[in-house]
Amino acid sequence: MKADIGLIGLAVMGQNLALNIARKGYNVAVYNRSPKRTEDLLKRVKDEKITPAYELKEFIDSLQKPRKIILMVKAGNPVDQMIEQLLPYLEKGDLIIDGGNSHYLDTNRRLKELSEKGILFLGMGVSGGEYGALHGPSLMPGGSKEAYEMVEEILLKIAAKSDEGPCCTYVGNTSAGHFVKMVHNGIEYAIMQAIAETYDIMRKILKMDVKEIGDVFENWNKGELNSFLIEITYKIMRKIDEETGKPLVNLILDKAEQKGTGKWTAQAALDLGIPTPSLNFALIARVISNFKEDRVNLSKIFEKRILSVSIDKVRLLEDLEKALLFSIFISFSQGLWLISQASDTYDYGINLSEVTRIWKNGCIIRAKMLDFLKNILEEDKSNVYLLKSEKALSFLKEKVDSVINVTEVARKFWVPTPVLNSSLDFLFSMIERNLPANLIQAQRDFFGAHTFERIDKEGIFHVEWIELD
């Protein structure tokens, strides 16, 4: 029998996704440029129907028509190169699915180029890491509805499940799937940074050891903060390095890497004119972390004047929990607003409520809070940044004093908290009737004749601020 679907790219994610599909009863053809990766996969195969191929033509010939092929290769040129190699063997009506973290503009280009050749194309976000790929990821496919319907049955079966069904939906037109996955990662950056800032305050200000910090995060995970990222945080605190017998987290160099999706999210937000400071500062924090040598040198010559401050540990831990909830909510608010604006600008047709639904399980940012966000969106679909809801404002209002206290304490001890601070400033800015942008616009008109609007009459104005010779 010919295979139901094919998969190219057998690094760990590709291998696990192939096994996931096969374990749902499908025959999967697989191919990798390096035969060793194929052999590594075959060692893991038990009763699954997996058909290995060692040449592209052999791989294509092993697929049922119309052919359905998932690419799990590195984003960028490797995707274009693989598509180019496949094209001579494909026929009109065949489908290529890019399951990598491709830039959404690349997805638009590929879709246009392939549609001109009669080849269908989906850009599909896949979240959940190696475990999710094997046991059920959150899937975010975008492209033509016709293309999605060709693989809908398979995708729904392999996706993670929540109390509301499979964590997969047709996200929207063209590059909607990859855009939503990109912003998912931007939100992920912000939540991770907020958790890291909270951890930093615990160890530097409250002088808590790793075990005690882990216990706090485990306790938080039983409540409103319940989420995948909080869960792995307390599990990280428990990991002991076999070689030294010390907590492994204390031995890891404080330089955080990034693969591009966080940067793309910030760029897209600036291009579309949507404020995402929490997401942006999380990216900047990672960039700063990489200047380790500079930080070490400056720390030796810049004296921190830390005053003697009395800290109520119980109260500060309570405030940290609320501040973290506040920042996570704001991070989702900014990300969903960006997705909504992209949907309007690019005609994606994205349903934000559905996005929050498919993020409820399988993905890295899955969290109990998503039920709350989904409820807010379903009450008012126009409330794309969530803040127009009385529920949302009440949720944030009861935590504002805690965030203020946390950020003030951090300042007194010279502990950087870019995401906690920017989340607070975002709310302050959004609820402020009069921002100082009037002065900025006056300055722009002063030196560049950029004009301004007035509050007392209609029209566009410019004045000569000084006499010109």
Protein backbone atom coordinates (compact mmCIF):
# COMPACT_ATOMS: atom_id res chain seq x y z
CA MET A 1 0.00 0.00 0.00
CA LYS A 2 1.17 3.50 -0.79
CA ALA A 3 1.67 5.91 2.11
CA ASP A 4 -1.10 8.26 3.24
CA ILE A 5 1.32 11.10 3.84
CA GLY A 6 5.04 11.84 3.57
CA LEU A 7 7.43 13.64 5.89
CA ILE A 8 10.82 15.12 5.02
CA GLY A 9 13.31 16.12 7.71
CA LEU A 10 14.08 13.59 10.41
CA ALA A 11 15.71 15.56 13.19
CA VAL A 12 14.06 14.89 16.55
CA MET A 13 10.92 16.95 15.80
CA GLY A 14 10.44 15.29 12.42
CA GLN A 15 11.01 11.79 13.81
CA ASN A 16 8.53 12.33 16.62
CA LEU A 17 5.88 13.81 14.35
CA ALA A 18 6.25 10.87 11.93
CA LEU A 19 5.81 8.40 14.79
CA ASN A 20 2.80 10.37 16.07
CA ILE A 21 1.10 10.18 12.67
CA ALA A 22 1.93 6.48 12.26
CA ARG A 23 0.59 5.67 15.73
CA LYS A 24 -2.75 7.16 14.71
CA GLY A 25 -3.06 4.42 12.07
CA TYR A 26 -1.58 6.11 9.00
CA ASN A 27 1.15 4.84 6.70
CA VAL A 28 3.92 7.45 6.66
CA ALA A 29 6.67 7.69 4.06
CA VAL A 30 9.83 9.37 5.36
CA TYR A 31 12.94 10.86 3.77
CA ASN A 32 16.01 12.65 5.06
CA ARG A 33 18.99 13.99 3.17
CA SER A 34 21.23 12.08 5.58
CA PRO A 35 20.38 8.34 5.57
CA LYS A 36 21.64 8.03 9.16
CA ARG A 37 18.68 10.06 10.43
CA THR A 38 16.35 7.67 8.61
CA GLU A 39 18.10 4.70 10.20
CA ASP A 40 17.84 6.34 13.63
CA LEU A 41 14.08 6.62 13.17
CA LEU A 42 13.73 3.01 12.02
CA LYS A 43 15.38 1.86 15.26
CA ARG A 44 12.46 3.43 17.12
CA VAL A 45 9.77 1.85 14.95
CA LYS A 46 7.76 -1.02 16.47
CA ASP A 47 4.40 -1.76 14.86
CA GLU A 48 4.06 1.64 13.14
CA LYS A 49 3.64 1.75 9.36
CA ILE A 50 6.63 3.82 8.33
CA THR A 51 8.04 3.51 4.83
CA PRO A 52 11.65 4.72 4.49
CA ALA A 53 12.96 6.18 1.24
CA TYR A 54 16.57 7.05 0.42
CA GLU A 55 15.99 8.96 -2.83
CA LEU A 56 13.48 11.74 -3.45
CA LYS A 57 11.89 9.99 -6.45
CA GLU A 58 11.51 6.83 -4.41
CA PHE A 59 9.87 8.90 -1.68
CA ILE A 60 7.45 10.60 -4.08
CA ASP A 61 6.54 7.31 -5.79
CA SER A 62 5.64 5.79 -2.42
CA LEU A 63 2.86 8.36 -1.80
CA GLN A 64 -0.83 8.14 -2.63
CA LYS A 65 -2.14 10.80 -5.02
CA PRO A 66 -2.77 13.63 -4.49
CA ARG A 67 0.47 13.60 -2.57
CA LYS A 68 0.64 15.22 0.87
CA ILE A 69 4.13 16.11 2.12
CA ILE A 70 5.15 17.68 5.45
CA LEU A 71 8.48 19.51 5.53
CA MET A 72 10.22 19.55 8.90
CA VAL A 73 13.43 21.23 7.76
CA LYS A 74 15.24 24.34 8.98
CA ALA A 75 13.50 27.62 8.14
CA GLY A 76 14.90 29.84 5.39
CA ASN A 77 16.83 28.64 2.35
CA PRO A 78 16.60 24.92 3.25
CA VAL A 79 12.82 25.10 2.75
CA ASP A 80 13.18 26.75 -0.66
CA GLN A 81 15.86 24.26 -1.68
CA MET A 82 13.72 21.28 -0.69
CA ILE A 83 10.69 22.64 -2.54
CA GLU A 84 12.87 23.17 -5.62
CA GLN A 85 14.04 19.56 -5.45
CA LEU A 86 10.48 18.26 -5.06
CA LEU A 87 8.87 20.23 -7.89
CA PRO A 88 10.05 18.06 -10.82
CA TYR A 89 8.27 15.06 -9.26
CA LEU A 90 5.03 16.75 -8.20
CA GLU A 91 1.74 17.12 -10.08
CA LYS A 92 -1.09 19.64 -9.91
CA GLY A 93 -3.16 19.14 -6.79
CA ASP A 94 -0.30 17.82 -4.66
CA LEU A 95 0.19 19.47 -1.27
CA ILE A 96 3.29 20.68 0.58
CA ILE A 97 3.03 21.58 4.28
CA ASP A 98 5.84 23.63 5.83
CA GLY A 99 5.86 22.65 9.51
CA GLY A 100 8.90 24.72 10.47
CA ASN A 101 9.18 28.20 12.00
CA SER A 102 9.23 29.99 8.65
CA HIS A 103 8.87 33.76 8.39
CA TYR A 104 5.33 34.61 7.34
CA LEU A 105 6.48 36.70 4.36
CA ASP A 106 8.42 33.69 3.04
CA THR A 107 5.24 31.65 3.40
CA ASN A 108 3.29 34.22 1.35
CA ARG A 109 5.93 34.08 -1.39
CA ARG A 110 6.04 30.29 -1.49
CA LEU A 111 2.27 30.01 -1.57
CA LYS A 112 2.08 32.39 -4.54
CA GLU A 113 4.89 30.67 -6.43
CA LEU A 114 3.48 27.18 -5.87
CA SER A 115 -0.12 28.15 -6.65
CA GLU A 116 1.06 29.33 -10.08
CA LYS A 117 2.30 25.76 -10.64
CA GLY A 118 -0.91 24.18 -9.35
CA ILE A 119 0.70 22.96 -6.12
CA LEU A 120 -1.18 23.50 -2.84
CA PHE A 121 0.68 24.86 0.18
CA LEU A 122 0.10 25.18 3.92
CA GLY A 123 2.28 27.06 6.40
CA MET A 124 1.73 25.25 9.69
CA GLY A 125 2.94 26.32 13.10
CA VAL A 126 3.83 23.35 15.31
CA SER A 127 4.27 23.97 19.04
CA GLY A 128 5.04 21.62 21.87
CA GLY A 129 8.66 20.71 21.40
CA GLU A 130 9.86 17.15 21.02
CA TYR A 131 7.35 15.74 23.52
CA GLY A 132 4.44 17.53 21.86
CA ALA A 133 5.44 16.35 18.38
CA LEU A 134 5.24 12.76 19.59
CA HIS A 135 2.28 12.87 21.96
CA GLY A 136 0.22 15.74 20.53
CA PRO A 137 1.28 19.27 19.52
CA SER A 138 -0.75 22.41 19.08
CA LEU A 139 -1.10 22.85 15.32
CA MET A 140 -1.65 26.18 13.54
CA PRO A 141 -2.17 25.55 9.79
CA GLY A 142 -2.80 28.44 7.42
CA GLY A 143 -3.25 28.66 3.66
CA SER A 144 -6.11 27.72 1.39
CA LYS A 145 -9.13 26.00 2.95
CA GLU A 146 -8.93 23.40 0.18
CA ALA A 147 -5.40 22.49 1.21
CA TYR A 148 -6.36 22.25 4.88
CA GLU A 149 -9.31 19.97 4.15
CA MET A 150 -6.97 17.50 2.43
CA VAL A 151 -5.19 16.82 5.73
CA GLU A 152 -7.77 17.91 8.31
CA GLU A 153 -8.52 14.38 9.50
CA ILE A 154 -4.84 13.57 10.08
CA LEU A 155 -4.07 16.88 11.80
CA LEU A 156 -7.03 16.64 14.18
CA LYS A 157 -6.01 13.11 15.16
CA ILE A 158 -2.36 13.91 15.87
CA ALA A 159 -3.00 17.21 17.69
CA ALA A 160 -3.10 17.57 21.46
CA LYS A 161 -6.56 17.39 23.02
CA SER A 162 -8.16 19.69 25.57
CA ASP A 163 -11.61 19.74 27.16
CA GLU A 164 -12.73 21.61 24.03
CA GLY A 165 -11.40 19.15 21.45
CA PRO A 166 -8.30 18.87 19.25
CA CYS A 167 -5.79 21.73 19.56
CA CYS A 168 -5.83 22.36 15.83
CA THR A 169 -7.97 24.53 13.62
CA TYR A 170 -7.86 26.14 10.20
CA VAL A 171 -6.24 29.39 11.36
CA GLY A 172 -6.80 31.45 8.22
CA ASN A 173 -5.67 32.52 4.76
CA THR A 174 -2.16 32.65 3.31
CA SER A 175 0.48 32.90 6.06
CA ALA A 176 -1.96 33.08 9.00
CA GLY A 177 -0.65 29.87 10.56
CA HIS A 178 2.98 30.91 10.58
CA PHE A 179 2.09 34.42 11.78
CA VAL A 180 0.14 33.05 14.73
CA LYS A 181 2.99 30.64 15.60
CA MET A 182 5.47 33.52 15.40
CA VAL A 183 3.43 35.60 17.86
CA HIS A 184 2.94 32.51 20.05
CA ASN A 185 6.73 32.47 20.36
CA GLY A 186 6.85 36.20 21.08
CA ILE A 187 4.40 35.69 23.96
CA GLU A 188 6.52 32.72 25.05
CA TYR A 189 9.59 34.99 25.25
CA ALA A 190 7.71 37.46 27.47
CA ILE A 191 6.31 34.85 29.86
CA MET A 192 9.70 33.16 30.20
CA GLN A 193 11.39 36.48 30.95
CA ALA A 194 8.71 37.41 33.53
CA ILE A 195 9.24 34.06 35.26
CA ALA A 196 13.02 34.60 35.16
CA GLU A 197 12.66 38.07 36.71
CA THR A 198 10.50 36.62 39.48
CA TYR A 199 13.12 33.91 40.13
CA ASP A 200 15.84 36.58 40.17
CA ILE A 201 14.05 38.54 42.89
CA MET A 202 13.59 35.38 44.96
CA ARG A 203 17.27 34.46 44.86
CA LYS A 204 18.85 37.94 45.07
CA ILE A 205 16.48 39.85 47.34
CA LEU A 206 14.79 37.12 49.39
CA LYS A 207 18.00 35.00 49.41
CA MET A 208 16.00 31.82 48.73
CA ASP A 209 17.81 28.65 47.70
CA VAL A 210 16.89 26.66 44.61
CA LYS A 211 14.81 24.07 46.49
CA GLU A 212 12.73 26.75 48.20
CA ILE A 213 12.19 28.56 44.91
CA GLY A 214 11.10 25.30 43.31
CA ASP A 215 8.61 24.69 46.11
CA VAL A 216 7.07 28.14 45.57
CA PHE A 217 6.68 27.62 41.83
CA GLU A 218 5.19 24.16 42.41
CA ASN A 219 2.65 25.66 44.79
CA TRP A 220 1.83 28.44 42.32
CA ASN A 221 1.28 25.84 39.61
CA LYS A 222 -1.66 24.49 41.64
CA GLY A 223 -3.52 27.78 41.30
CA GLU A 224 -4.18 30.53 38.77
CA LEU A 225 -0.60 30.36 37.45
CA ASN A 226 -1.04 26.74 36.36
CA SER A 227 0.83 26.41 33.07
CA PHE A 228 3.48 24.44 31.25
CA LEU A 229 6.16 27.09 31.77
CA ILE A 230 5.56 27.30 35.54
CA GLU A 231 5.57 23.48 35.73
CA ILE A 232 8.93 23.12 33.98
CA THR A 233 10.35 25.93 36.13
CA TYR A 234 9.88 24.04 39.39
CA LYS A 235 11.12 20.83 37.76
CA ILE A 236 14.27 22.67 36.60
CA MET A 237 14.88 23.75 40.21
CA ARG A 238 14.88 20.09 41.27
CA LYS A 239 17.46 18.89 38.72
CA ILE A 240 20.82 18.01 40.28
CA ASP A 241 24.00 17.91 38.18
CA GLU A 242 25.37 14.36 38.37
CA GLU A 243 28.98 15.49 38.06
CA THR A 244 29.04 18.11 40.83
CA GLY A 245 26.00 17.28 42.96
CA LYS A 246 24.88 20.92 42.66
CA PRO A 247 21.58 22.28 41.29
CA LEU A 248 22.07 22.30 37.52
CA VAL A 249 20.36 25.67 37.03
CA ASN A 250 23.11 27.31 39.11
CA LEU A 251 25.76 25.95 36.72
CA ILE A 252 24.18 27.22 33.50
CA LEU A 253 25.76 30.33 31.94
CA ASP A 254 23.40 33.32 31.97
CA LYS A 255 23.31 33.85 28.19
CA ALA A 256 19.92 33.22 26.55
CA GLU A 257 19.74 32.46 22.85
CA GLN A 258 16.98 33.06 20.31
CA LYS A 259 16.21 31.64 16.88
CA GLY A 260 14.47 34.62 15.30
CA THR A 261 10.73 34.34 15.99
CA GLY A 262 10.93 36.80 18.90
CA LYS A 263 12.76 39.30 16.69
CA TRP A 264 10.25 38.79 13.88
CA THR A 265 7.38 39.41 16.33
CA ALA A 266 8.91 42.72 17.40
CA GLN A 267 9.52 43.72 13.77
CA ALA A 268 5.96 42.81 12.76
CA ALA A 269 4.53 44.78 15.70
CA LEU A 270 6.49 47.86 14.65
CA ASP A 271 5.48 47.41 11.02
CA LEU A 272 1.80 47.09 11.94
CA GLY A 273 1.87 49.86 14.56
CA ILE A 274 0.85 47.71 17.54
CA PRO A 275 2.48 48.30 20.97
CA THR A 276 4.06 45.09 22.29
CA PRO A 277 6.59 46.39 24.84
CA SER A 278 6.55 43.30 27.07
CA LEU A 279 7.30 41.05 24.09
CA ASN A 280 9.96 43.45 22.82
CA PHE A 281 11.72 43.86 26.17
CA ALA A 282 11.85 40.08 26.59
CA LEU A 283 13.78 39.94 23.32
CA ILE A 284 16.05 42.81 24.38
CA ALA A 285 16.75 41.06 27.70
CA ARG A 286 18.04 38.03 25.79
CA VAL A 287 20.22 40.26 23.61
CA ILE A 288 21.70 42.00 26.68
CA SER A 289 22.37 38.65 28.34
CA ASN A 290 24.81 37.78 25.57
CA PHE A 291 27.15 40.64 26.51
CA LYS A 292 28.44 38.59 29.43
CA GLU A 293 32.01 39.90 29.41
CA ASP A 294 30.86 43.51 29.31
CA ARG A 295 28.42 42.90 32.15
CA VAL A 296 31.08 41.28 34.30
CA ASN A 297 33.53 44.12 33.68
CA LEU A 298 30.97 46.85 34.37
CA SER A 299 29.82 45.10 37.55
CA LYS A 300 33.35 45.46 38.92
CA ILE A 301 33.58 49.21 38.39
CA PHE A 302 30.00 50.38 38.98
CA GLU A 303 29.17 50.35 42.66
CA LYS A 304 25.57 49.48 43.49
CA ARG A 305 24.37 51.67 46.35
CA ILE A 306 21.92 49.23 47.90
CA LEU A 307 20.16 50.74 50.89
CA SER A 308 19.16 48.75 53.93
CA VAL A 309 15.55 47.83 53.24
CA SER A 310 13.25 45.76 55.43
CA ILE A 311 11.50 43.10 53.35
CA ASP A 312 8.33 41.26 54.35
CA LYS A 313 9.04 37.90 52.70
CA VAL A 314 5.48 36.58 52.90
CA ARG A 315 4.04 39.74 51.40
CA LEU A 316 6.67 39.96 48.65
CA LEU A 317 6.00 36.35 47.59
CA GLU A 318 2.28 37.10 47.43
CA ASP A 319 3.02 40.20 45.37
CA LEU A 320 5.34 38.25 43.06
CA GLU A 321 2.57 35.76 42.31
CA LYS A 322 0.17 38.58 41.44
CA ALA A 323 2.81 40.45 39.44
CA LEU A 324 3.52 37.34 37.39
CA LEU A 325 -0.18 36.82 36.68
CA PHE A 326 -0.42 40.49 35.69
CA SER A 327 2.53 40.27 33.29
CA ILE A 328 1.33 37.04 31.69
CA PHE A 329 -2.09 38.57 31.06
CA ILE A 330 -0.52 41.69 29.53
CA SER A 331 1.77 39.55 27.34
CA PHE A 332 -1.23 37.68 25.94
CA SER A 333 -3.06 41.00 25.51
CA GLN A 334 -0.27 42.45 23.37
CA GLY A 335 0.17 39.26 21.33
CA LEU A 336 -3.52 38.84 20.55
CA TRP A 337 -3.77 42.52 19.56
CA LEU A 338 -0.91 42.02 17.12
CA ILE A 339 -2.56 38.91 15.63
CA SER A 340 -5.84 40.79 15.24
CA GLN A 341 -4.19 43.70 13.44
CA ALA A 342 -2.32 41.32 11.13
CA SER A 343 -5.58 39.53 10.38
CA ASP A 344 -7.20 42.82 9.37
CA THR A 345 -4.19 44.04 7.38
CA TYR A 346 -3.44 40.78 5.56
CA ASP A 347 -7.02 39.48 5.33
CA TYR A 348 -6.20 36.35 7.33
CA GLY A 349 -9.70 35.87 8.74
CA ILE A 350 -8.35 34.73 12.13
CA ASN A 351 -10.74 33.91 14.98
CA LEU A 352 -8.92 34.96 18.18
CA SER A 353 -11.15 32.81 20.35
CA GLU A 354 -10.15 29.77 18.31
CA VAL A 355 -6.49 30.71 18.68
CA THR A 356 -6.80 30.72 22.47
CA ARG A 357 -8.63 27.38 22.26
CA ILE A 358 -5.91 25.59 20.29
CA TRP A 359 -3.27 26.99 22.68
CA LYS A 360 -4.96 25.28 25.66
CA ASN A 361 -2.88 22.13 25.31
CA GLY A 362 0.16 20.86 23.45
CA CYS A 363 1.91 24.20 23.05
CA ILE A 364 4.57 25.88 25.18
CA ILE A 365 2.32 28.73 26.38
CA ARG A 366 -0.57 26.51 27.42
CA ALA A 367 -1.99 27.87 30.64
CA LYS A 368 -5.08 27.90 32.81
CA MET A 369 -5.39 31.62 32.03
CA LEU A 370 -6.38 30.85 28.43
CA ASP A 371 -9.89 29.87 29.56
CA PHE A 372 -10.25 33.35 31.06
CA LEU A 373 -8.94 35.03 27.91
CA LYS A 374 -11.22 32.96 25.66
CA ASN A 375 -14.22 33.91 27.78
CA ILE A 376 -13.37 37.63 27.46
CA LEU A 377 -13.01 37.35 23.67
CA GLU A 378 -16.29 35.47 23.27
CA GLU A 379 -18.15 38.19 25.18
CA ASP A 380 -16.87 40.89 22.80
CA LYS A 381 -15.02 39.92 19.59
CA SER A 382 -13.93 43.56 19.12
CA ASN A 383 -12.04 43.50 22.43
CA VAL A 384 -8.87 42.29 20.70
CA TYR A 385 -6.47 43.57 23.37
CA LEU A 386 -8.79 42.34 26.18
CA LEU A 387 -8.70 45.56 28.25
CA LYS A 388 -12.23 46.72 27.39
CA SER A 389 -13.66 43.98 29.60
CA GLU A 390 -14.75 44.75 33.17
CA LYS A 391 -13.51 41.26 34.08
CA ALA A 392 -10.08 42.01 32.67
CA LEU A 393 -9.81 45.44 34.32
CA SER A 394 -10.90 43.99 37.66
CA PHE A 395 -8.33 41.20 37.30
CA LEU A 396 -5.55 43.73 36.63
CA LYS A 397 -6.72 46.35 39.13
CA GLU A 398 -6.46 43.95 42.06
CA LYS A 399 -2.84 43.21 41.09
CA VAL A 400 -1.53 46.70 40.26
CA ASP A 401 -0.37 47.50 43.80
CA SER A 402 1.54 44.21 43.91
CA VAL A 403 3.30 44.94 40.63
CA ILE A 404 4.21 48.43 41.85
CA ASN A 405 5.63 47.00 45.08
CA VAL A 406 7.63 44.31 43.25
CA THR A 407 9.14 46.75 40.75
CA GLU A 408 9.95 49.30 43.49
CA VAL A 409 11.69 46.65 45.60
CA ALA A 410 13.60 45.45 42.53
CA ARG A 411 14.75 49.03 41.87
CA LYS A 412 15.99 49.44 45.44
CA PHE A 413 18.11 46.30 45.05
CA TRP A 414 19.23 47.12 41.48
CA VAL A 415 17.58 44.01 40.04
CA PRO A 416 16.46 44.49 36.40
CA THR A 417 12.81 43.65 35.68
CA PRO A 418 12.19 44.80 32.08
CA VAL A 419 9.06 42.74 31.42
CA LEU A 420 7.42 43.34 34.80
CA ASN A 421 8.07 47.09 34.40
CA SER A 422 7.00 47.33 30.78
CA SER A 423 3.78 45.41 31.51
CA LEU A 424 2.91 47.94 34.20
CA ASP A 425 3.79 50.90 31.96
CA PHE A 426 1.71 49.42 29.13
CA LEU A 427 -1.37 49.41 31.36
CA PHE A 428 -0.60 52.86 32.72
CA SER A 429 -0.28 54.18 29.16
CA MET A 430 -3.46 52.49 27.91
CA ILE A 431 -5.58 53.91 30.75
CA GLU A 432 -4.06 57.42 30.63
CA ARG A 433 -6.34 60.09 29.13
CA ASN A 434 -3.50 62.57 28.47
CA LEU A 435 -0.09 61.30 27.40
CA PRO A 436 2.81 63.75 26.79
CA ALA A 437 2.74 63.03 23.05
CA ASN A 438 1.43 66.58 22.51
CA LEU A 439 4.90 67.88 23.41
CA ILE A 440 6.56 65.36 21.08
CA GLN A 441 4.31 66.48 18.22
CA ALA A 442 5.11 70.14 18.98
CA GLN A 443 8.83 69.31 18.87
CA ARG A 444 8.37 67.51 15.53
CA ASP A 445 6.56 70.49 14.10
CA PHE A 446 9.23 72.84 15.51
CA PHE A 447 12.22 71.20 13.79
CA GLY A 448 10.58 69.48 10.84
CA ALA A 449 7.24 71.15 10.07
CA HIS A 450 5.52 67.79 10.63
CA THR A 451 2.21 69.49 11.57
CA PHE A 452 -0.17 68.66 14.42
CA GLU A 453 -3.84 68.37 15.29
CA ARG A 454 -5.58 70.50 17.92
CA ILE A 455 -8.00 69.56 20.70
CA ASP A 456 -10.21 72.64 20.16
CA LYS A 457 -10.88 72.56 16.42
CA GLU A 458 -10.69 70.32 13.36
CA GLY A 459 -7.86 70.36 10.84
CA ILE A 460 -4.10 69.93 10.40
CA PHE A 461 -1.90 72.79 11.60
CA HIS A 462 1.64 74.11 11.45
CA VAL A 463 3.11 77.22 13.07
CA GLU A 464 6.41 79.06 12.78
CA TRP A 465 7.83 78.45 16.26
CA ILE A 466 10.68 80.93 15.70
CA GLU A 467 11.21 83.72 13.22
CA LEU A 468 13.07 82.59 10.11
CA ASP A 469 15.57 84.85 8.38
